[in-house]
């Protein structure tokens, strides 16, 4: 099991531990990923044990949450562009009226859905033309699957090298569509991990990045990256937070401008309005902080 595959499986186990899905449903979803019954049961038991031990934990301080500053999303349109080896890549495109820069938006572990499309639309409304890439393009796109868990199972089977190649193609496409403007990247959950992965792939064309509660790759190095990085974390997200120190150390070693922000009292996926863990105040504050980061490091 690769690091990415382990993360996807642990997401399901964590949902079960948090009471979001039944044991039967969690076992079904893990089965879609190819885990045996014994391996799935062991993973669920470990998640329940870990949750029982958790009692909050320390977190970095942030300013007070504000519920104002919401940005109405511009409309996105389905698009396609040339990927590695001439493959057709798919995504959702939102064009800013007067682009100050561009952003590659990387989806969660359910694939490219309306929630992620709306992020691209909001960024466009904030002045950043955005491309939300579909990392299941080769499989026919996220919409070709019967449900989001089949999409997750498909992501589980994709080699890491293809993710990197497709994301790099997304950066190339943004530079083609909006020439002369700097490029940033952001992603959420699985997409946050993908953002870190892109940064560790020696992608030097990113001026900034804002990974949201994404795991930092084990042993990852940011040598070759030039982005100013805003790392967004949730206080109660102990699993992803376990990689936060490694991310900070790698940022410091690479000499990259960075800020690590942990929002208190919220959990993994707090930015996603379709999630039961959604927190409007924290999500609004995090969005404003991200745009401010891009204003400083992308629009200049």
C-alpha atoms as a PDB file:
ATOM      1  CA  UNK A   1       0.000   0.000   0.000  1.00  0.00           C
ATOM      2  CA  UNK A   2       1.450   3.354  -1.025  1.00  0.00           C
ATOM      3  CA  UNK A   3       1.371   6.437   1.198  1.00  0.00           C
ATOM      4  CA  UNK A   4      -1.494   7.929  -0.834  1.00  0.00           C
ATOM      5  CA  UNK A   5      -3.457   4.674  -0.722  1.00  0.00           C
ATOM      6  CA  UNK A   6      -2.993   4.453   3.048  1.00  0.00           C
ATOM      7  CA  UNK A   7      -4.287   8.003   3.412  1.00  0.00           C
ATOM      8  CA  UNK A   8      -7.429   7.265   1.395  1.00  0.00           C
ATOM      9  CA  UNK A   9      -8.139   4.154   3.462  1.00  0.00           C
ATOM     10  CA  UNK A  10      -7.557   6.024   6.718  1.00  0.00           C
ATOM     11  CA  UNK A  11     -10.054   8.682   5.612  1.00  0.00           C
ATOM     12  CA  UNK A  12     -12.782   6.039   5.584  1.00  0.00           C
ATOM     13  CA  UNK A  13     -11.708   4.638   8.941  1.00  0.00           C
ATOM     14  CA  UNK A  14     -11.728   8.115  10.455  1.00  0.00           C
ATOM     15  CA  UNK A  15     -15.241   8.760   9.134  1.00  0.00           C
ATOM     16  CA  UNK A  16     -16.364   5.591  10.892  1.00  0.00           C
ATOM     17  CA  UNK A  17     -14.626   6.541  14.140  1.00  0.00           C
ATOM     18  CA  UNK A  18     -16.354   9.926  14.007  1.00  0.00           C
ATOM     19  CA  UNK A  19     -19.737   8.242  13.580  1.00  0.00           C
ATOM     20  CA  UNK A  20     -20.256   9.539  10.047  1.00  0.00           C
ATOM     21  CA  UNK A  21     -20.626   6.066   8.516  1.00  0.00           C
ATOM     22  CA  UNK A  22     -21.619   2.694   9.961  1.00  0.00           C
ATOM     23  CA  UNK A  23     -19.156  -0.155  10.370  1.00  0.00           C
ATOM     24  CA  UNK A  24     -20.888  -2.050   7.575  1.00  0.00           C
ATOM     25  CA  UNK A  25     -20.630   0.907   5.192  1.00  0.00           C
ATOM     26  CA  UNK A  26     -17.001   1.538   6.139  1.00  0.00           C
ATOM     27  CA  UNK A  27     -16.153  -2.104   5.426  1.00  0.00           C
ATOM     28  CA  UNK A  28     -17.930  -1.833   2.080  1.00  0.00           C
ATOM     29  CA  UNK A  29     -15.958   1.257   1.116  1.00  0.00           C
ATOM     30  CA  UNK A  30     -12.670  -0.274   2.193  1.00  0.00           C
ATOM     31  CA  UNK A  31     -13.578  -3.321   0.154  1.00  0.00           C
ATOM     32  CA  UNK A  32     -13.927  -1.064  -2.891  1.00  0.00           C
ATOM     33  CA  UNK A  33     -10.317  -0.080  -2.294  1.00  0.00           C
ATOM     34  CA  UNK A  34      -9.323  -3.724  -2.381  1.00  0.00           C
ATOM     35  CA  UNK A  35      -8.651  -4.262   1.324  1.00  0.00           C
ATOM     36  CA  UNK A  36      -9.364  -7.703   2.721  1.00  0.00           C
ATOM     37  CA  UNK A  37     -11.972  -8.094   5.451  1.00  0.00           C
ATOM     38  CA  UNK A  38      -9.288  -8.659   8.067  1.00  0.00           C
ATOM     39  CA  UNK A  39      -7.216  -5.665   6.981  1.00  0.00           C
ATOM     40  CA  UNK A  40     -10.294  -3.437   6.897  1.00  0.00           C
ATOM     41  CA  UNK A  41     -11.434  -4.541  10.360  1.00  0.00           C
ATOM     42  CA  UNK A  42      -7.968  -3.912  11.759  1.00  0.00           C
ATOM     43  CA  UNK A  43      -7.889  -0.413  10.277  1.00  0.00           C
ATOM     44  CA  UNK A  44     -11.306   0.438  11.753  1.00  0.00           C
ATOM     45  CA  UNK A  45     -10.275  -0.843  15.166  1.00  0.00           C
ATOM     46  CA  UNK A  46      -7.093   1.246  15.085  1.00  0.00           C
ATOM     47  CA  UNK A  47      -9.069   4.369  14.188  1.00  0.00           C
ATOM     48  CA  UNK A  48     -11.476   3.818  17.061  1.00  0.00           C
ATOM     49  CA  UNK A  49      -8.573   3.319  19.469  1.00  0.00           C
ATOM     50  CA  UNK A  50      -6.879   6.482  18.274  1.00  0.00           C
ATOM     51  CA  UNK A  51     -10.073   8.475  18.643  1.00  0.00           C
ATOM     52  CA  UNK A  52     -10.548   7.215  22.199  1.00  0.00           C
ATOM     53  CA  UNK A  53      -7.084   8.535  23.090  1.00  0.00           C
ATOM     54  CA  UNK A  54      -7.628  11.943  21.516  1.00  0.00           C
ATOM     55  CA  UNK A  55      -8.444  14.818  23.820  1.00  0.00           C
ATOM     56  CA  UNK A  56      -7.997  17.900  21.672  1.00  0.00           C
ATOM     57  CA  UNK A  57      -4.342  18.935  21.650  1.00  0.00           C
ATOM     58  CA  UNK A  58      -2.324  22.072  21.271  1.00  0.00           C
ATOM     59  CA  UNK A  59      -2.583  24.195  18.168  1.00  0.00           C
ATOM     60  CA  UNK A  60      -1.121  27.312  16.652  1.00  0.00           C
ATOM     61  CA  UNK A  61      -3.027  30.458  17.454  1.00  0.00           C
ATOM     62  CA  UNK A  62      -4.915  32.383  14.831  1.00  0.00           C
ATOM     63  CA  UNK A  63      -6.823  35.613  14.774  1.00  0.00           C
ATOM     64  CA  UNK A  64     -10.517  35.623  15.621  1.00  0.00           C
ATOM     65  CA  UNK A  65     -12.796  33.919  13.135  1.00  0.00           C
ATOM     66  CA  UNK A  66     -14.992  36.230  11.123  1.00  0.00           C
ATOM     67  CA  UNK A  67     -18.093  35.250   9.213  1.00  0.00           C
ATOM     68  CA  UNK A  68     -17.969  38.205   6.841  1.00  0.00           C
ATOM     69  CA  UNK A  69     -16.125  38.524   3.560  1.00  0.00           C
ATOM     70  CA  UNK A  70     -17.956  35.739   1.724  1.00  0.00           C
ATOM     71  CA  UNK A  71     -17.343  35.805  -2.023  1.00  0.00           C
ATOM     72  CA  UNK A  72     -20.022  34.815  -4.492  1.00  0.00           C
ATOM     73  CA  UNK A  73     -18.600  32.340  -7.000  1.00  0.00           C
ATOM     74  CA  UNK A  74     -18.426  33.037 -10.704  1.00  0.00           C
ATOM     75  CA  UNK A  75     -19.764  30.343 -12.975  1.00  0.00           C
ATOM     76  CA  UNK A  76     -17.387  27.606 -14.056  1.00  0.00           C
ATOM     77  CA  UNK A  77     -17.475  25.724 -17.332  1.00  0.00           C
ATOM     78  CA  UNK A  78     -16.334  22.237 -18.126  1.00  0.00           C
ATOM     79  CA  UNK A  79     -13.125  22.219 -20.095  1.00  0.00           C
ATOM     80  CA  UNK A  80     -10.398  19.954 -21.387  1.00  0.00           C
ATOM     81  CA  UNK A  81      -6.747  20.417 -22.226  1.00  0.00           C
ATOM     82  CA  UNK A  82      -3.723  18.496 -23.393  1.00  0.00           C
ATOM     83  CA  UNK A  83      -1.992  16.344 -20.843  1.00  0.00           C
ATOM     84  CA  UNK A  84       1.154  14.189 -20.804  1.00  0.00           C
ATOM     85  CA  UNK A  85       1.602  12.134 -23.939  1.00  0.00           C
ATOM     86  CA  UNK A  86      -1.301  13.892 -25.599  1.00  0.00           C
ATOM     87  CA  UNK A  87      -3.822  12.515 -23.087  1.00  0.00           C
ATOM     88  CA  UNK A  88      -7.001  14.549 -22.662  1.00  0.00           C
ATOM     89  CA  UNK A  89      -7.311  16.051 -19.225  1.00  0.00           C
ATOM     90  CA  UNK A  90     -10.566  17.427 -17.877  1.00  0.00           C
ATOM     91  CA  UNK A  91     -11.513  20.083 -15.392  1.00  0.00           C
ATOM     92  CA  UNK A  92     -13.624  23.094 -14.524  1.00  0.00           C
ATOM     93  CA  UNK A  93     -12.473  26.537 -15.635  1.00  0.00           C
ATOM     94  CA  UNK A  94     -13.407  29.874 -14.061  1.00  0.00           C
ATOM     95  CA  UNK A  95     -12.038  33.024 -15.693  1.00  0.00           C
ATOM     96  CA  UNK A  96     -11.489  36.162 -13.629  1.00  0.00           C
ATOM     97  CA  UNK A  97     -12.658  39.345 -15.308  1.00  0.00           C
ATOM     98  CA  UNK A  98      -9.308  41.020 -14.695  1.00  0.00           C
ATOM     99  CA  UNK A  99      -6.964  38.190 -13.669  1.00  0.00           C
ATOM    100  CA  UNK A 100      -4.301  39.039 -11.119  1.00  0.00           C
ATOM    101  CA  UNK A 101      -2.928  35.520 -11.329  1.00  0.00           C
ATOM    102  CA  UNK A 102      -4.064  31.915 -11.686  1.00  0.00           C
ATOM    103  CA  UNK A 103      -4.694  28.985  -9.362  1.00  0.00           C
ATOM    104  CA  UNK A 104      -4.674  25.221  -9.880  1.00  0.00           C
ATOM    105  CA  UNK A 105      -7.402  23.777  -7.630  1.00  0.00           C
ATOM    106  CA  UNK A 106      -7.014  20.139  -6.576  1.00  0.00           C
ATOM    107  CA  UNK A 107     -10.027  18.179  -5.401  1.00  0.00           C
ATOM    108  CA  UNK A 108     -10.688  16.003  -2.375  1.00  0.00           C
ATOM    109  CA  UNK A 109     -10.750  12.226  -2.388  1.00  0.00           C
ATOM    110  CA  UNK A 110     -14.244  12.157  -3.944  1.00  0.00           C
ATOM    111  CA  UNK A 111     -13.005  13.641  -7.206  1.00  0.00           C
ATOM    112  CA  UNK A 112     -14.037  16.834  -8.963  1.00  0.00           C
ATOM    113  CA  UNK A 113     -17.471  17.788  -7.645  1.00  0.00           C
ATOM    114  CA  UNK A 114     -19.590  20.917  -7.329  1.00  0.00           C
ATOM    115  CA  UNK A 115     -17.994  21.898  -4.027  1.00  0.00           C
ATOM    116  CA  UNK A 116     -14.565  22.100  -5.655  1.00  0.00           C
ATOM    117  CA  UNK A 117     -15.983  23.807  -8.739  1.00  0.00           C
ATOM    118  CA  UNK A 118     -17.361  26.498  -6.442  1.00  0.00           C
ATOM    119  CA  UNK A 119     -13.883  27.061  -4.994  1.00  0.00           C
ATOM    120  CA  UNK A 120     -12.599  27.733  -8.508  1.00  0.00           C
ATOM    121  CA  UNK A 121     -15.512  30.113  -9.073  1.00  0.00           C
ATOM    122  CA  UNK A 122     -14.857  31.978  -5.834  1.00  0.00           C
ATOM    123  CA  UNK A 123     -11.193  32.379  -6.674  1.00  0.00           C
ATOM    124  CA  UNK A 124     -12.141  33.797 -10.064  1.00  0.00           C
ATOM    125  CA  UNK A 125     -14.461  36.271  -8.338  1.00  0.00           C
ATOM    126  CA  UNK A 126     -11.499  37.224  -6.141  1.00  0.00           C
ATOM    127  CA  UNK A 127      -9.360  37.958  -9.193  1.00  0.00           C
ATOM    128  CA  UNK A 128      -7.637  34.607  -9.820  1.00  0.00           C
ATOM    129  CA  UNK A 129      -8.551  32.596 -12.896  1.00  0.00           C
ATOM    130  CA  UNK A 130      -8.799  29.028 -11.655  1.00  0.00           C
ATOM    131  CA  UNK A 131      -8.583  25.560 -13.150  1.00  0.00           C
ATOM    132  CA  UNK A 132     -10.019  22.751 -11.013  1.00  0.00           C
ATOM    133  CA  UNK A 133      -8.352  19.664 -12.440  1.00  0.00           C
ATOM    134  CA  UNK A 134     -10.012  16.242 -12.541  1.00  0.00           C
ATOM    135  CA  UNK A 135      -7.379  13.688 -11.556  1.00  0.00           C
ATOM    136  CA  UNK A 136      -9.671  10.930 -12.830  1.00  0.00           C
ATOM    137  CA  UNK A 137      -9.601  12.246 -16.399  1.00  0.00           C
ATOM    138  CA  UNK A 138      -8.016   9.088 -17.786  1.00  0.00           C
ATOM    139  CA  UNK A 139     -10.861   7.043 -16.278  1.00  0.00           C
ATOM    140  CA  UNK A 140     -13.459   9.193 -18.030  1.00  0.00           C
ATOM    141  CA  UNK A 141     -13.742  11.849 -15.337  1.00  0.00           C
ATOM    142  CA  UNK A 142     -15.322  11.861 -11.903  1.00  0.00           C
ATOM    143  CA  UNK A 143     -18.802  12.079 -13.401  1.00  0.00           C
ATOM    144  CA  UNK A 144     -18.390   8.697 -15.067  1.00  0.00           C
ATOM    145  CA  UNK A 145     -18.591   6.874 -11.724  1.00  0.00           C
ATOM    146  CA  UNK A 146     -21.821   5.718 -10.110  1.00  0.00           C
ATOM    147  CA  UNK A 147     -20.989   7.369  -6.783  1.00  0.00           C
ATOM    148  CA  UNK A 148     -18.200   9.211  -5.013  1.00  0.00           C
ATOM    149  CA  UNK A 149     -16.859   6.076  -3.369  1.00  0.00           C
ATOM    150  CA  UNK A 150     -16.303   4.380  -6.707  1.00  0.00           C
ATOM    151  CA  UNK A 151     -14.404   7.529  -7.645  1.00  0.00           C
ATOM    152  CA  UNK A 152     -12.339   7.197  -4.478  1.00  0.00           C
ATOM    153  CA  UNK A 153     -11.551   3.580  -5.324  1.00  0.00           C
ATOM    154  CA  UNK A 154     -10.381   4.687  -8.773  1.00  0.00           C
ATOM    155  CA  UNK A 155      -8.087   7.320  -7.242  1.00  0.00           C
ATOM    156  CA  UNK A 156      -6.679   4.578  -5.020  1.00  0.00           C
ATOM    157  CA  UNK A 157      -5.484   2.720  -8.119  1.00  0.00           C
ATOM    158  CA  UNK A 158      -3.739   5.658  -9.818  1.00  0.00           C
ATOM    159  CA  UNK A 159       0.070   5.700  -9.578  1.00  0.00           C
ATOM    160  CA  UNK A 160       1.570   8.717  -7.851  1.00  0.00           C
ATOM    161  CA  UNK A 161       3.650   9.558 -10.914  1.00  0.00           C
ATOM    162  CA  UNK A 162       0.507  10.143 -12.974  1.00  0.00           C
ATOM    163  CA  UNK A 163      -0.915  12.523 -10.400  1.00  0.00           C
ATOM    164  CA  UNK A 164       2.284  14.560 -10.551  1.00  0.00           C
ATOM    165  CA  UNK A 165       2.400  14.582 -14.347  1.00  0.00           C
ATOM    166  CA  UNK A 166      -1.247  15.655 -14.618  1.00  0.00           C
ATOM    167  CA  UNK A 167      -0.858  18.447 -12.073  1.00  0.00           C
ATOM    168  CA  UNK A 168       2.223  19.743 -13.860  1.00  0.00           C
ATOM    169  CA  UNK A 169       0.192  19.743 -17.074  1.00  0.00           C
ATOM    170  CA  UNK A 170      -2.408  21.827 -15.220  1.00  0.00           C
ATOM    171  CA  UNK A 171       0.266  24.398 -14.339  1.00  0.00           C
ATOM    172  CA  UNK A 172       1.353  24.474 -17.983  1.00  0.00           C
ATOM    173  CA  UNK A 173      -2.250  25.019 -19.091  1.00  0.00           C
ATOM    174  CA  UNK A 174      -2.743  27.919 -16.691  1.00  0.00           C
ATOM    175  CA  UNK A 175       0.390  29.601 -18.034  1.00  0.00           C
ATOM    176  CA  UNK A 176      -0.953  29.127 -21.552  1.00  0.00           C
ATOM    177  CA  UNK A 177      -4.420  30.481 -20.791  1.00  0.00           C
ATOM    178  CA  UNK A 178      -3.282  33.511 -18.803  1.00  0.00           C
ATOM    179  CA  UNK A 179       0.213  34.347 -20.037  1.00  0.00           C
ATOM    180  CA  UNK A 180       2.379  36.647 -18.008  1.00  0.00           C
ATOM    181  CA  UNK A 181       0.635  35.942 -14.704  1.00  0.00           C
ATOM    182  CA  UNK A 182       1.986  33.927 -11.783  1.00  0.00           C
ATOM    183  CA  UNK A 183       0.527  30.550 -10.826  1.00  0.00           C
ATOM    184  CA  UNK A 184      -0.534  29.232  -7.429  1.00  0.00           C
ATOM    185  CA  UNK A 185      -2.004  25.913  -6.283  1.00  0.00           C
ATOM    186  CA  UNK A 186      -4.417  24.900  -3.569  1.00  0.00           C
ATOM    187  CA  UNK A 187      -6.061  21.628  -2.592  1.00  0.00           C
ATOM    188  CA  UNK A 188      -8.185  20.119   0.126  1.00  0.00           C
ATOM    189  CA  UNK A 189      -7.856  16.847   2.054  1.00  0.00           C
ATOM    190  CA  UNK A 190      -6.448  14.436  -0.555  1.00  0.00           C
ATOM    191  CA  UNK A 191      -5.940  17.537  -2.716  1.00  0.00           C
ATOM    192  CA  UNK A 192      -3.966  19.171   0.081  1.00  0.00           C
ATOM    193  CA  UNK A 193      -1.679  16.150   0.043  1.00  0.00           C
ATOM    194  CA  UNK A 194      -1.476  16.446  -3.745  1.00  0.00           C
ATOM    195  CA  UNK A 195      -0.464  20.102  -3.383  1.00  0.00           C
ATOM    196  CA  UNK A 196       2.393  19.076  -1.099  1.00  0.00           C
ATOM    197  CA  UNK A 197       3.282  16.296  -3.545  1.00  0.00           C
ATOM    198  CA  UNK A 198       3.447  18.803  -6.408  1.00  0.00           C
ATOM    199  CA  UNK A 199       5.720  21.027  -4.350  1.00  0.00           C
ATOM    200  CA  UNK A 200       8.041  18.108  -3.564  1.00  0.00           C
ATOM    201  CA  UNK A 201       8.255  17.194  -7.264  1.00  0.00           C
ATOM    202  CA  UNK A 202      10.638  20.117  -7.883  1.00  0.00           C
ATOM    203  CA  UNK A 203       7.862  22.132  -9.528  1.00  0.00           C
ATOM    204  CA  UNK A 204       9.484  25.576  -9.638  1.00  0.00           C
ATOM    205  CA  UNK A 205       6.753  27.417 -11.577  1.00  0.00           C
ATOM    206  CA  UNK A 206       4.447  27.895  -8.595  1.00  0.00           C
ATOM    207  CA  UNK A 207       4.682  31.312  -6.942  1.00  0.00           C
ATOM    208  CA  UNK A 208       2.485  30.256  -4.029  1.00  0.00           C
ATOM    209  CA  UNK A 209       0.582  27.312  -2.611  1.00  0.00           C
ATOM    210  CA  UNK A 210      -2.084  26.806   0.043  1.00  0.00           C
ATOM    211  CA  UNK A 211      -2.560  23.134   0.985  1.00  0.00           C
ATOM    212  CA  UNK A 212      -5.589  22.632   3.255  1.00  0.00           C
ATOM    213  CA  UNK A 213      -5.221  19.846   5.850  1.00  0.00           C
ATOM    214  CA  UNK A 214      -3.190  17.651   3.530  1.00  0.00           C
ATOM    215  CA  UNK A 215      -0.588  15.119   4.691  1.00  0.00           C
ATOM    216  CA  UNK A 216       3.025  15.969   3.935  1.00  0.00           C
ATOM    217  CA  UNK A 217       4.782  13.160   1.997  1.00  0.00           C
ATOM    218  CA  UNK A 218       6.965  10.984   4.176  1.00  0.00           C
ATOM    219  CA  UNK A 219      10.590  11.986   3.636  1.00  0.00           C
ATOM    220  CA  UNK A 220       9.506  14.731   1.243  1.00  0.00           C
ATOM    221  CA  UNK A 221      11.935  17.455   0.230  1.00  0.00           C
ATOM    222  CA  UNK A 222      10.979  20.901  -1.034  1.00  0.00           C
ATOM    223  CA  UNK A 223      14.321  21.476  -2.720  1.00  0.00           C
ATOM    224  CA  UNK A 224      13.674  23.042  -6.122  1.00  0.00           C
ATOM    225  CA  UNK A 225      10.352  24.606  -5.127  1.00  0.00           C
ATOM    226  CA  UNK A 226      10.060  28.401  -5.132  1.00  0.00           C
ATOM    227  CA  UNK A 227       6.526  28.843  -3.811  1.00  0.00           C
ATOM    228  CA  UNK A 228       5.515  30.824  -0.772  1.00  0.00           C
ATOM    229  CA  UNK A 229       3.479  28.269   1.179  1.00  0.00           C
ATOM    230  CA  UNK A 230       0.479  28.793   3.441  1.00  0.00           C
ATOM    231  CA  UNK A 231      -0.265  25.547   5.281  1.00  0.00           C
ATOM    232  CA  UNK A 232      -3.821  25.337   6.648  1.00  0.00           C
ATOM    233  CA  UNK A 233      -4.597  22.843   9.422  1.00  0.00           C
ATOM    234  CA  UNK A 234      -7.461  22.016  11.788  1.00  0.00           C
ATOM    235  CA  UNK A 235      -6.828  21.605  15.515  1.00  0.00           C
ATOM    236  CA  UNK A 236      -8.839  18.396  15.870  1.00  0.00           C
ATOM    237  CA  UNK A 237      -7.350  16.728  12.775  1.00  0.00           C
ATOM    238  CA  UNK A 238      -4.750  14.688  14.657  1.00  0.00           C
ATOM    239  CA  UNK A 239      -4.009  12.310  11.766  1.00  0.00           C
ATOM    240  CA  UNK A 240      -2.943  15.003   9.291  1.00  0.00           C
ATOM    241  CA  UNK A 241      -1.437  17.164  12.028  1.00  0.00           C
ATOM    242  CA  UNK A 242       1.021  14.360  12.720  1.00  0.00           C
ATOM    243  CA  UNK A 243       2.807  15.419   9.504  1.00  0.00           C
ATOM    244  CA  UNK A 244       2.736  19.164  10.254  1.00  0.00           C
ATOM    245  CA  UNK A 245       6.152  19.257  11.919  1.00  0.00           C
ATOM    246  CA  UNK A 246       7.719  17.498   8.932  1.00  0.00           C
ATOM    247  CA  UNK A 247       6.142  20.051   6.582  1.00  0.00           C
ATOM    248  CA  UNK A 248       7.450  22.944   8.665  1.00  0.00           C
ATOM    249  CA  UNK A 249      10.937  21.434   8.819  1.00  0.00           C
ATOM    250  CA  UNK A 250      11.010  20.901   5.048  1.00  0.00           C
ATOM    251  CA  UNK A 251       9.865  24.482   4.432  1.00  0.00           C
ATOM    252  CA  UNK A 252      12.581  25.833   6.688  1.00  0.00           C
ATOM    253  CA  UNK A 253      15.251  23.619   5.150  1.00  0.00           C
ATOM    254  CA  UNK A 254      14.292  24.776   1.654  1.00  0.00           C
ATOM    255  CA  UNK A 255      14.303  28.409   2.773  1.00  0.00           C
ATOM    256  CA  UNK A 256      10.761  28.999   1.490  1.00  0.00           C
ATOM    257  CA  UNK A 257       8.556  31.805   2.722  1.00  0.00           C
ATOM    258  CA  UNK A 258       5.802  30.128   4.662  1.00  0.00           C
ATOM    259  CA  UNK A 259       3.122  30.381   7.296  1.00  0.00           C
ATOM    260  CA  UNK A 260       1.519  27.477   9.160  1.00  0.00           C
ATOM    261  CA  UNK A 261      -1.968  28.234  10.470  1.00  0.00           C
ATOM    262  CA  UNK A 262      -4.025  25.887  12.627  1.00  0.00           C
ATOM    263  CA  UNK A 263      -7.659  26.828  13.200  1.00  0.00           C
ATOM    264  CA  UNK A 264      -8.801  26.033  16.743  1.00  0.00           C
ATOM    265  CA  UNK A 265     -11.835  23.932  17.556  1.00  0.00           C
ATOM    266  CA  UNK A 266     -12.391  22.595  14.036  1.00  0.00           C
ATOM    267  CA  UNK A 267     -11.761  19.259  12.365  1.00  0.00           C
ATOM    268  CA  UNK A 268     -10.620  17.865   9.042  1.00  0.00           C
ATOM    269  CA  UNK A 269     -12.734  19.087   6.088  1.00  0.00           C
ATOM    270  CA  UNK A 270     -13.917  22.188   7.954  1.00  0.00           C
ATOM    271  CA  UNK A 271     -13.736  24.158   4.677  1.00  0.00           C
ATOM    272  CA  UNK A 272     -16.146  21.896   2.769  1.00  0.00           C
ATOM    273  CA  UNK A 273     -19.754  23.145   3.077  1.00  0.00           C
ATOM    274  CA  UNK A 274     -21.110  19.679   2.201  1.00  0.00           C
ATOM    275  CA  UNK A 275     -19.236  18.065   5.120  1.00  0.00           C
ATOM    276  CA  UNK A 276     -20.727  17.481   8.560  1.00  0.00           C
ATOM    277  CA  UNK A 277     -17.491  19.000   9.917  1.00  0.00           C
ATOM    278  CA  UNK A 278     -17.980  22.272   8.050  1.00  0.00           C
ATOM    279  CA  UNK A 279     -17.373  25.403  10.097  1.00  0.00           C
ATOM    280  CA  UNK A 280     -18.585  28.562   8.384  1.00  0.00           C
ATOM    281  CA  UNK A 281     -16.573  31.035  10.438  1.00  0.00           C
ATOM    282  CA  UNK A 282     -13.294  29.139  10.134  1.00  0.00           C
ATOM    283  CA  UNK A 283     -13.872  28.442   6.427  1.00  0.00           C
ATOM    284  CA  UNK A 284     -14.541  32.112   5.734  1.00  0.00           C
ATOM    285  CA  UNK A 285     -11.463  33.180   7.676  1.00  0.00           C
ATOM    286  CA  UNK A 286      -9.301  30.575   5.916  1.00  0.00           C
ATOM    287  CA  UNK A 287     -10.530  31.657   2.480  1.00  0.00           C
ATOM    288  CA  UNK A 288      -9.739  35.293   3.219  1.00  0.00           C
ATOM    289  CA  UNK A 289      -6.295  34.335   4.504  1.00  0.00           C
ATOM    290  CA  UNK A 290      -5.599  32.287   1.365  1.00  0.00           C
ATOM    291  CA  UNK A 291      -6.626  35.108  -0.971  1.00  0.00           C
ATOM    292  CA  UNK A 292      -4.529  37.535   1.056  1.00  0.00           C
ATOM    293  CA  UNK A 293      -1.570  35.178   0.671  1.00  0.00           C
ATOM    294  CA  UNK A 294      -2.077  35.058  -3.084  1.00  0.00           C
ATOM    295  CA  UNK A 295      -2.459  38.837  -3.201  1.00  0.00           C
ATOM    296  CA  UNK A 296       0.953  39.122  -1.598  1.00  0.00           C
ATOM    297  CA  UNK A 297       2.839  36.415  -3.472  1.00  0.00           C
ATOM    298  CA  UNK A 298       1.011  35.935  -6.790  1.00  0.00           C
ATOM    299  CA  UNK A 299      -0.541  39.252  -7.776  1.00  0.00           C
ATOM    300  CA  UNK A 300       2.611  41.292  -7.133  1.00  0.00           C
END
